[in-house]
Amino acid sequence: MRGRRAAPQGGFTILELLVVISIMALATAGVSLAIRDNGGQQLEREAQRLATLLESARAQARTNGTLVIWRPMPQGFRFEGLPQSVKMPTQWLQTAVLVQPGTPVVLGPEPLIPRQTITLSLPDSTSPPLQLVTDGLRPFSVQSLQVQR
């Protein structure tokens, strides 16, 4: 029984297992960060969508020669003065957006409208507010609003 050798043991060492677990943890963290949609991104998406809707309503006002007004509402917004055949959204996509100061925005029918500013923010969020701004001639654009402390 002298020449008997122990059978080689199969499996992984503890170091190999730790390396594999670390790689899996890093991959999981990377995927979760890539998928996460924070408040700033949601607000940016809502602001871009609203800017597009405002420009569409502005074009409709000029085309039809009618006065179109955008009004913020407690749970969304509405466009007044558009023909019945034009269906515009009245709700935010995913989030409740606060609009300040809540004044209506006049969108036409004249090619040159007054300077307009709409401030958007998310309730209970640390993301900075955004502004939709037009000088009356150019389209609405989204700008970051720097909060003064």
N, C-alpha and C. Protein backbone atom coordinates (compact mmCIF):
# COMPACT_ATOMS: atom_id res chain seq x y z
N MET A 1 0.81 -1.17 0.00
CA MET A 1 0.00 0.00 0.00
C MET A 1 0.87 1.26 0.00
N ARG A 2 2.04 1.07 -0.19
CA ARG A 2 2.99 2.14 -0.16
C ARG A 2 2.88 3.07 -1.36
N GLY A 3 2.56 2.62 -2.52
CA GLY A 3 2.54 3.42 -3.73
C GLY A 3 1.18 4.05 -4.01
N ARG A 4 0.40 4.08 -3.08
CA ARG A 4 -0.94 4.64 -3.27
C ARG A 4 -0.91 6.16 -3.25
N ARG A 5 -1.46 6.75 -4.28
CA ARG A 5 -1.53 8.22 -4.35
C ARG A 5 -2.96 8.67 -4.15
N ALA A 6 -3.08 9.81 -3.56
CA ALA A 6 -4.42 10.37 -3.36
C ALA A 6 -4.93 10.87 -4.70
N ALA A 7 -6.21 10.67 -4.94
CA ALA A 7 -6.81 11.14 -6.18
C ALA A 7 -6.80 12.66 -6.19
N PRO A 8 -6.48 13.27 -7.35
CA PRO A 8 -6.48 14.74 -7.38
C PRO A 8 -7.88 15.27 -7.07
N GLN A 9 -7.90 16.27 -6.26
CA GLN A 9 -9.18 16.87 -5.87
C GLN A 9 -9.64 17.83 -6.95
N GLY A 10 -10.92 17.79 -7.31
CA GLY A 10 -11.48 18.70 -8.30
C GLY A 10 -12.09 19.91 -7.60
N GLY A 11 -12.37 20.96 -8.36
CA GLY A 11 -13.03 22.14 -7.79
C GLY A 11 -12.15 23.37 -7.90
N PHE A 12 -12.63 24.42 -7.27
CA PHE A 12 -11.96 25.71 -7.34
C PHE A 12 -11.34 26.06 -5.99
N THR A 13 -10.32 26.84 -6.04
CA THR A 13 -9.74 27.34 -4.80
C THR A 13 -10.58 28.52 -4.32
N ILE A 14 -10.41 28.88 -3.09
CA ILE A 14 -11.16 30.00 -2.52
C ILE A 14 -10.81 31.30 -3.24
N LEU A 15 -9.59 31.44 -3.66
CA LEU A 15 -9.18 32.64 -4.38
C LEU A 15 -9.89 32.75 -5.72
N GLU A 16 -10.01 31.67 -6.45
CA GLU A 16 -10.73 31.68 -7.72
C GLU A 16 -12.19 32.04 -7.52
N LEU A 17 -12.82 31.49 -6.49
CA LEU A 17 -14.21 31.81 -6.20
C LEU A 17 -14.39 33.29 -5.86
N LEU A 18 -13.48 33.86 -5.09
CA LEU A 18 -13.56 35.29 -4.73
C LEU A 18 -13.41 36.18 -5.96
N VAL A 19 -12.54 35.80 -6.88
CA VAL A 19 -12.36 36.59 -8.10
C VAL A 19 -13.64 36.56 -8.93
N VAL A 20 -14.25 35.40 -9.08
CA VAL A 20 -15.48 35.28 -9.86
C VAL A 20 -16.61 36.08 -9.21
N ILE A 21 -16.75 35.99 -7.91
CA ILE A 21 -17.80 36.74 -7.20
C ILE A 21 -17.57 38.24 -7.34
N SER A 22 -16.31 38.68 -7.26
CA SER A 22 -16.01 40.12 -7.42
C SER A 22 -16.38 40.61 -8.81
N ILE A 23 -16.08 39.82 -9.82
CA ILE A 23 -16.42 40.20 -11.20
C ILE A 23 -17.93 40.29 -11.36
N MET A 24 -18.65 39.34 -10.80
CA MET A 24 -20.11 39.36 -10.89
C MET A 24 -20.69 40.58 -10.15
N ALA A 25 -20.12 40.93 -9.03
CA ALA A 25 -20.60 42.09 -8.27
C ALA A 25 -20.37 43.38 -9.07
N LEU A 26 -19.21 43.52 -9.68
CA LEU A 26 -18.94 44.70 -10.49
C LEU A 26 -19.86 44.78 -11.70
N ALA A 27 -20.11 43.66 -12.34
CA ALA A 27 -21.01 43.66 -13.50
C ALA A 27 -22.43 44.02 -13.09
N THR A 28 -22.89 43.51 -11.97
CA THR A 28 -24.23 43.82 -11.47
C THR A 28 -24.34 45.30 -11.13
N ALA A 29 -23.33 45.86 -10.49
CA ALA A 29 -23.35 47.28 -10.14
C ALA A 29 -23.37 48.14 -11.41
N GLY A 30 -22.59 47.76 -12.40
CA GLY A 30 -22.57 48.52 -13.65
C GLY A 30 -23.91 48.50 -14.36
N VAL A 31 -24.55 47.35 -14.39
CA VAL A 31 -25.86 47.24 -15.03
C VAL A 31 -26.90 48.05 -14.27
N SER A 32 -26.88 47.98 -12.95
CA SER A 32 -27.89 48.73 -12.18
C SER A 32 -27.70 50.23 -12.33
N LEU A 33 -26.47 50.69 -12.44
CA LEU A 33 -26.25 52.13 -12.66
C LEU A 33 -26.68 52.55 -14.06
N ALA A 34 -26.49 51.68 -15.03
CA ALA A 34 -26.88 52.01 -16.40
C ALA A 34 -28.40 52.03 -16.56
N ILE A 35 -29.09 51.21 -15.82
CA ILE A 35 -30.55 51.12 -15.94
C ILE A 35 -31.26 52.20 -15.15
N ARG A 36 -30.67 52.64 -14.05
CA ARG A 36 -31.33 53.58 -13.16
C ARG A 36 -31.66 54.88 -13.88
N ASP A 37 -32.86 55.40 -13.63
CA ASP A 37 -33.32 56.64 -14.24
C ASP A 37 -33.55 57.64 -13.11
N ASN A 38 -32.61 58.55 -12.92
CA ASN A 38 -32.76 59.47 -11.80
C ASN A 38 -33.70 60.63 -12.13
N GLY A 39 -34.01 61.42 -11.13
CA GLY A 39 -34.95 62.51 -11.29
C GLY A 39 -34.52 63.55 -12.31
N GLY A 40 -33.23 63.82 -12.37
CA GLY A 40 -32.73 64.80 -13.33
C GLY A 40 -32.99 64.38 -14.76
N GLN A 41 -32.81 63.10 -15.05
CA GLN A 41 -33.07 62.60 -16.40
C GLN A 41 -34.56 62.63 -16.71
N GLN A 42 -35.39 62.30 -15.73
CA GLN A 42 -36.84 62.34 -15.94
C GLN A 42 -37.29 63.77 -16.23
N LEU A 43 -36.79 64.73 -15.44
CA LEU A 43 -37.16 66.12 -15.64
C LEU A 43 -36.68 66.63 -16.99
N GLU A 44 -35.48 66.24 -17.39
CA GLU A 44 -34.95 66.65 -18.70
C GLU A 44 -35.83 66.10 -19.82
N ARG A 45 -36.25 64.85 -19.69
CA ARG A 45 -37.11 64.24 -20.71
C ARG A 45 -38.46 64.96 -20.78
N GLU A 46 -39.04 65.29 -19.62
CA GLU A 46 -40.32 66.01 -19.60
C GLU A 46 -40.17 67.41 -20.20
N ALA A 47 -39.06 68.07 -19.91
CA ALA A 47 -38.83 69.42 -20.43
C ALA A 47 -38.67 69.38 -21.95
N GLN A 48 -37.92 68.43 -22.47
CA GLN A 48 -37.75 68.32 -23.92
C GLN A 48 -39.09 68.01 -24.60
N ARG A 49 -39.88 67.15 -23.97
CA ARG A 49 -41.19 66.81 -24.53
C ARG A 49 -42.10 68.04 -24.54
N LEU A 50 -42.11 68.80 -23.44
CA LEU A 50 -42.95 69.99 -23.38
C LEU A 50 -42.49 71.03 -24.40
N ALA A 51 -41.19 71.20 -24.58
CA ALA A 51 -40.69 72.15 -25.58
C ALA A 51 -41.18 71.77 -26.97
N THR A 52 -41.18 70.48 -27.27
CA THR A 52 -41.67 70.01 -28.57
C THR A 52 -43.16 70.25 -28.72
N LEU A 53 -43.92 69.98 -27.65
CA LEU A 53 -45.37 70.21 -27.70
C LEU A 53 -45.69 71.69 -27.87
N LEU A 54 -44.95 72.56 -27.17
CA LEU A 54 -45.18 74.00 -27.30
C LEU A 54 -44.90 74.49 -28.72
N GLU A 55 -43.82 73.98 -29.32
CA GLU A 55 -43.51 74.38 -30.69
C GLU A 55 -44.55 73.86 -31.67
N SER A 56 -45.06 72.67 -31.42
CA SER A 56 -46.12 72.13 -32.28
C SER A 56 -47.38 72.98 -32.17
N ALA A 57 -47.77 73.34 -30.94
CA ALA A 57 -48.95 74.19 -30.75
C ALA A 57 -48.73 75.58 -31.34
N ARG A 58 -47.51 76.07 -31.24
CA ARG A 58 -47.19 77.39 -31.82
C ARG A 58 -47.34 77.35 -33.34
N ALA A 59 -46.89 76.27 -33.96
CA ALA A 59 -47.04 76.12 -35.42
C ALA A 59 -48.52 76.02 -35.80
N GLN A 60 -49.31 75.30 -35.00
CA GLN A 60 -50.75 75.19 -35.26
C GLN A 60 -51.42 76.56 -35.14
N ALA A 61 -51.02 77.35 -34.15
CA ALA A 61 -51.61 78.68 -33.97
C ALA A 61 -51.32 79.57 -35.17
N ARG A 62 -50.11 79.51 -35.67
CA ARG A 62 -49.76 80.32 -36.85
C ARG A 62 -50.47 79.83 -38.09
N THR A 63 -50.59 78.52 -38.24
CA THR A 63 -51.24 77.95 -39.41
C THR A 63 -52.72 78.31 -39.45
N ASN A 64 -53.39 78.18 -38.30
CA ASN A 64 -54.84 78.42 -38.23
C ASN A 64 -55.19 79.89 -37.94
N GLY A 65 -54.21 80.69 -37.60
CA GLY A 65 -54.47 82.09 -37.28
C GLY A 65 -55.29 82.26 -36.01
N THR A 66 -55.11 81.36 -35.03
CA THR A 66 -55.87 81.43 -33.79
C THR A 66 -54.93 81.64 -32.60
N LEU A 67 -55.50 82.15 -31.53
CA LEU A 67 -54.76 82.32 -30.29
C LEU A 67 -54.73 80.98 -29.56
N VAL A 68 -53.54 80.46 -29.27
CA VAL A 68 -53.38 79.22 -28.52
C VAL A 68 -52.67 79.54 -27.22
N ILE A 69 -53.21 79.02 -26.13
CA ILE A 69 -52.65 79.27 -24.80
C ILE A 69 -52.37 77.92 -24.13
N TRP A 70 -51.18 77.80 -23.53
CA TRP A 70 -50.83 76.63 -22.74
C TRP A 70 -51.00 76.99 -21.27
N ARG A 71 -51.76 76.17 -20.55
CA ARG A 71 -52.00 76.41 -19.12
C ARG A 71 -51.58 75.19 -18.31
N PRO A 72 -50.77 75.42 -17.27
CA PRO A 72 -50.46 74.31 -16.37
C PRO A 72 -51.67 74.01 -15.48
N MET A 73 -51.89 72.74 -15.19
CA MET A 73 -52.99 72.30 -14.35
C MET A 73 -52.39 71.52 -13.17
N PRO A 74 -53.20 71.25 -12.13
CA PRO A 74 -52.64 70.52 -10.98
C PRO A 74 -52.01 69.16 -11.34
N GLN A 75 -52.58 68.42 -12.26
CA GLN A 75 -52.05 67.11 -12.61
C GLN A 75 -51.51 67.04 -14.03
N GLY A 76 -51.35 68.14 -14.69
CA GLY A 76 -50.86 68.12 -16.06
C GLY A 76 -50.89 69.52 -16.66
N PHE A 77 -51.43 69.60 -17.87
CA PHE A 77 -51.50 70.87 -18.58
C PHE A 77 -52.55 70.75 -19.67
N ARG A 78 -52.90 71.90 -20.29
CA ARG A 78 -53.83 71.85 -21.41
C ARG A 78 -53.51 72.97 -22.39
N PHE A 79 -53.91 72.71 -23.62
CA PHE A 79 -53.77 73.69 -24.69
C PHE A 79 -55.17 74.19 -25.03
N GLU A 80 -55.35 75.50 -24.99
CA GLU A 80 -56.64 76.11 -25.32
C GLU A 80 -56.53 76.83 -26.65
N GLY A 81 -57.55 76.69 -27.48
CA GLY A 81 -57.60 77.41 -28.75
C GLY A 81 -57.24 76.57 -29.96
N LEU A 82 -56.84 75.32 -29.74
CA LEU A 82 -56.52 74.46 -30.88
C LEU A 82 -57.80 73.90 -31.48
N PRO A 83 -57.82 73.62 -32.78
CA PRO A 83 -59.00 72.99 -33.38
C PRO A 83 -59.26 71.62 -32.74
N GLN A 84 -60.51 71.19 -32.78
CA GLN A 84 -60.89 69.89 -32.20
C GLN A 84 -60.15 68.73 -32.85
N SER A 85 -59.77 68.90 -34.11
CA SER A 85 -59.09 67.81 -34.82
C SER A 85 -57.66 67.59 -34.33
N VAL A 86 -57.09 68.57 -33.63
CA VAL A 86 -55.72 68.47 -33.13
C VAL A 86 -55.77 67.95 -31.70
N LYS A 87 -55.23 66.77 -31.49
CA LYS A 87 -55.20 66.16 -30.15
C LYS A 87 -53.81 66.32 -29.57
N MET A 88 -53.72 67.02 -28.45
CA MET A 88 -52.45 67.22 -27.78
C MET A 88 -52.49 66.52 -26.42
N PRO A 89 -51.36 66.01 -25.95
CA PRO A 89 -51.32 65.39 -24.63
C PRO A 89 -51.65 66.40 -23.53
N THR A 90 -52.14 65.89 -22.41
CA THR A 90 -52.49 66.75 -21.28
C THR A 90 -51.85 66.28 -19.98
N GLN A 91 -51.03 65.24 -20.05
CA GLN A 91 -50.42 64.66 -18.85
C GLN A 91 -48.90 64.60 -19.01
N TRP A 92 -48.21 64.60 -17.87
CA TRP A 92 -46.78 64.34 -17.88
C TRP A 92 -46.58 62.85 -18.12
N LEU A 93 -45.44 62.47 -18.62
CA LEU A 93 -45.20 61.06 -18.94
C LEU A 93 -45.09 60.18 -17.69
N GLN A 94 -44.15 60.48 -16.82
CA GLN A 94 -43.89 59.60 -15.69
C GLN A 94 -43.96 60.28 -14.34
N THR A 95 -43.76 61.54 -14.30
CA THR A 95 -43.58 62.20 -13.01
C THR A 95 -44.54 63.37 -12.88
N ALA A 96 -44.78 63.74 -11.66
CA ALA A 96 -45.54 64.96 -11.41
C ALA A 96 -44.55 66.12 -11.45
N VAL A 97 -44.73 67.03 -12.36
CA VAL A 97 -43.82 68.15 -12.54
C VAL A 97 -44.47 69.40 -12.00
N LEU A 98 -43.74 70.15 -11.21
CA LEU A 98 -44.23 71.42 -10.70
C LEU A 98 -43.87 72.52 -11.68
N VAL A 99 -44.85 73.33 -12.04
CA VAL A 99 -44.63 74.43 -12.97
C VAL A 99 -44.76 75.72 -12.19
N GLN A 100 -43.76 76.59 -12.31
CA GLN A 100 -43.82 77.84 -11.58
C GLN A 100 -43.54 78.98 -12.53
N PRO A 101 -44.15 80.09 -12.44
CA PRO A 101 -45.14 80.48 -11.45
C PRO A 101 -46.56 80.03 -11.79
N GLY A 102 -46.74 79.25 -12.84
CA GLY A 102 -48.07 78.77 -13.16
C GLY A 102 -48.85 79.71 -14.06
N THR A 103 -48.19 80.64 -14.70
CA THR A 103 -48.88 81.56 -15.60
C THR A 103 -49.06 80.92 -16.97
N PRO A 104 -50.11 81.27 -17.67
CA PRO A 104 -50.32 80.71 -19.01
C PRO A 104 -49.27 81.23 -19.99
N VAL A 105 -49.04 80.46 -21.04
CA VAL A 105 -48.07 80.81 -22.07
C VAL A 105 -48.84 81.04 -23.37
N VAL A 106 -48.70 82.24 -23.95
CA VAL A 106 -49.37 82.58 -25.21
C VAL A 106 -48.48 82.13 -26.35
N LEU A 107 -49.07 81.36 -27.30
CA LEU A 107 -48.29 80.75 -28.37
C LEU A 107 -48.63 81.26 -29.76
N GLY A 108 -49.41 82.27 -29.90
CA GLY A 108 -49.68 82.73 -31.26
C GLY A 108 -50.92 83.56 -31.32
N PRO A 109 -51.36 83.94 -32.44
CA PRO A 109 -51.05 83.50 -33.80
C PRO A 109 -49.94 84.29 -34.47
N GLU A 110 -49.44 85.33 -33.84
CA GLU A 110 -48.40 86.15 -34.47
C GLU A 110 -47.09 85.39 -34.54
N PRO A 111 -46.26 85.65 -35.56
CA PRO A 111 -44.97 84.98 -35.66
C PRO A 111 -44.04 85.32 -34.49
N LEU A 112 -44.16 86.53 -33.97
CA LEU A 112 -43.33 86.97 -32.85
C LEU A 112 -44.20 87.01 -31.60
N ILE A 113 -43.89 86.19 -30.62
CA ILE A 113 -44.66 86.15 -29.39
C ILE A 113 -43.83 86.81 -28.29
N PRO A 114 -44.45 87.16 -27.15
CA PRO A 114 -43.66 87.73 -26.05
C PRO A 114 -42.65 86.73 -25.51
N ARG A 115 -41.64 87.25 -24.87
CA ARG A 115 -40.65 86.39 -24.21
C ARG A 115 -41.38 85.53 -23.18
N GLN A 116 -41.11 84.23 -23.19
CA GLN A 116 -41.80 83.29 -22.31
C GLN A 116 -40.77 82.46 -21.55
N THR A 117 -41.07 82.19 -20.28
CA THR A 117 -40.23 81.33 -19.45
C THR A 117 -41.12 80.44 -18.61
N ILE A 118 -40.83 79.15 -18.63
CA ILE A 118 -41.55 78.18 -17.80
C ILE A 118 -40.50 77.45 -16.96
N THR A 119 -40.70 77.43 -15.65
CA THR A 119 -39.78 76.74 -14.75
C THR A 119 -40.39 75.42 -14.32
N LEU A 120 -39.64 74.34 -14.51
CA LEU A 120 -40.10 73.00 -14.17
C LEU A 120 -39.22 72.42 -13.08
N SER A 121 -39.83 71.75 -12.12
CA SER A 121 -39.07 71.07 -11.07
C SER A 121 -39.83 69.84 -10.63
N LEU A 122 -39.12 68.93 -10.01
CA LEU A 122 -39.74 67.72 -9.46
C LEU A 122 -39.98 67.90 -7.97
N PRO A 123 -41.15 67.51 -7.47
CA PRO A 123 -41.38 67.60 -6.03
C PRO A 123 -40.49 66.60 -5.29
N ASP A 124 -40.00 66.99 -4.14
CA ASP A 124 -39.18 66.13 -3.29
C ASP A 124 -37.97 65.57 -4.01
N SER A 125 -37.31 66.40 -4.80
CA SER A 125 -36.14 65.96 -5.55
C SER A 125 -35.01 66.94 -5.34
N THR A 126 -33.80 66.42 -5.38
CA THR A 126 -32.63 67.29 -5.24
C THR A 126 -32.12 67.77 -6.59
N SER A 127 -32.72 67.30 -7.68
CA SER A 127 -32.27 67.73 -9.00
C SER A 127 -32.65 69.19 -9.22
N PRO A 128 -31.77 69.96 -9.86
CA PRO A 128 -32.05 71.39 -10.05
C PRO A 128 -33.20 71.61 -11.02
N PRO A 129 -33.94 72.70 -10.84
CA PRO A 129 -35.04 73.01 -11.77
C PRO A 129 -34.51 73.31 -13.17
N LEU A 130 -35.40 73.15 -14.14
CA LEU A 130 -35.08 73.47 -15.53
C LEU A 130 -36.04 74.56 -16.01
N GLN A 131 -35.59 75.33 -16.98
CA GLN A 131 -36.44 76.36 -17.58
C GLN A 131 -36.59 76.11 -19.07
N LEU A 132 -37.80 76.33 -19.55
CA LEU A 132 -38.05 76.38 -20.99
C LEU A 132 -38.14 77.86 -21.32
N VAL A 133 -37.32 78.30 -22.25
CA VAL A 133 -37.20 79.73 -22.54
C VAL A 133 -37.30 79.97 -24.04
N THR A 134 -38.02 81.03 -24.41
CA THR A 134 -37.98 81.54 -25.77
C THR A 134 -37.92 83.06 -25.70
N ASP A 135 -37.21 83.64 -26.66
CA ASP A 135 -37.17 85.10 -26.73
C ASP A 135 -38.32 85.65 -27.56
N GLY A 136 -39.19 84.77 -28.04
CA GLY A 136 -40.33 85.18 -28.83
C GLY A 136 -40.17 84.88 -30.31
N LEU A 137 -38.93 84.75 -30.75
CA LEU A 137 -38.65 84.45 -32.14
C LEU A 137 -38.14 83.03 -32.32
N ARG A 138 -37.20 82.65 -31.48
CA ARG A 138 -36.61 81.31 -31.56
C ARG A 138 -37.49 80.28 -30.86
N PRO A 139 -37.26 79.00 -31.15
CA PRO A 139 -38.03 77.94 -30.48
C PRO A 139 -37.71 77.87 -28.99
N PHE A 140 -38.57 77.21 -28.24
CA PHE A 140 -38.33 76.98 -26.83
C PHE A 140 -37.10 76.10 -26.67
N SER A 141 -36.27 76.43 -25.70
CA SER A 141 -35.09 75.62 -25.40
C SER A 141 -35.05 75.34 -23.91
N VAL A 142 -34.43 74.22 -23.57
CA VAL A 142 -34.32 73.81 -22.17
C VAL A 142 -33.00 74.32 -21.62
N GLN A 143 -33.08 75.00 -20.48
CA GLN A 143 -31.89 75.53 -19.83
C GLN A 143 -31.90 75.11 -18.37
N SER A 144 -30.71 74.86 -17.85
CA SER A 144 -30.58 74.52 -16.44
C SER A 144 -30.67 75.80 -15.62
N LEU A 145 -31.40 75.73 -14.53
CA LEU A 145 -31.57 76.88 -13.66
C LEU A 145 -30.65 76.72 -12.47
N GLN A 146 -29.73 77.63 -12.32
CA GLN A 146 -28.79 77.57 -11.20
C GLN A 146 -29.46 78.16 -9.96
N VAL A 147 -29.54 77.36 -8.92
CA VAL A 147 -30.17 77.79 -7.67
C VAL A 147 -29.14 78.56 -6.86
N GLN A 148 -29.50 79.78 -6.46
CA GLN A 148 -28.60 80.60 -5.64
C GLN A 148 -28.82 80.28 -4.18
N ARG A 149 -27.71 80.18 -3.45
CA ARG A 149 -27.80 79.83 -2.02
C ARG A 149 -27.45 81.00 -1.17
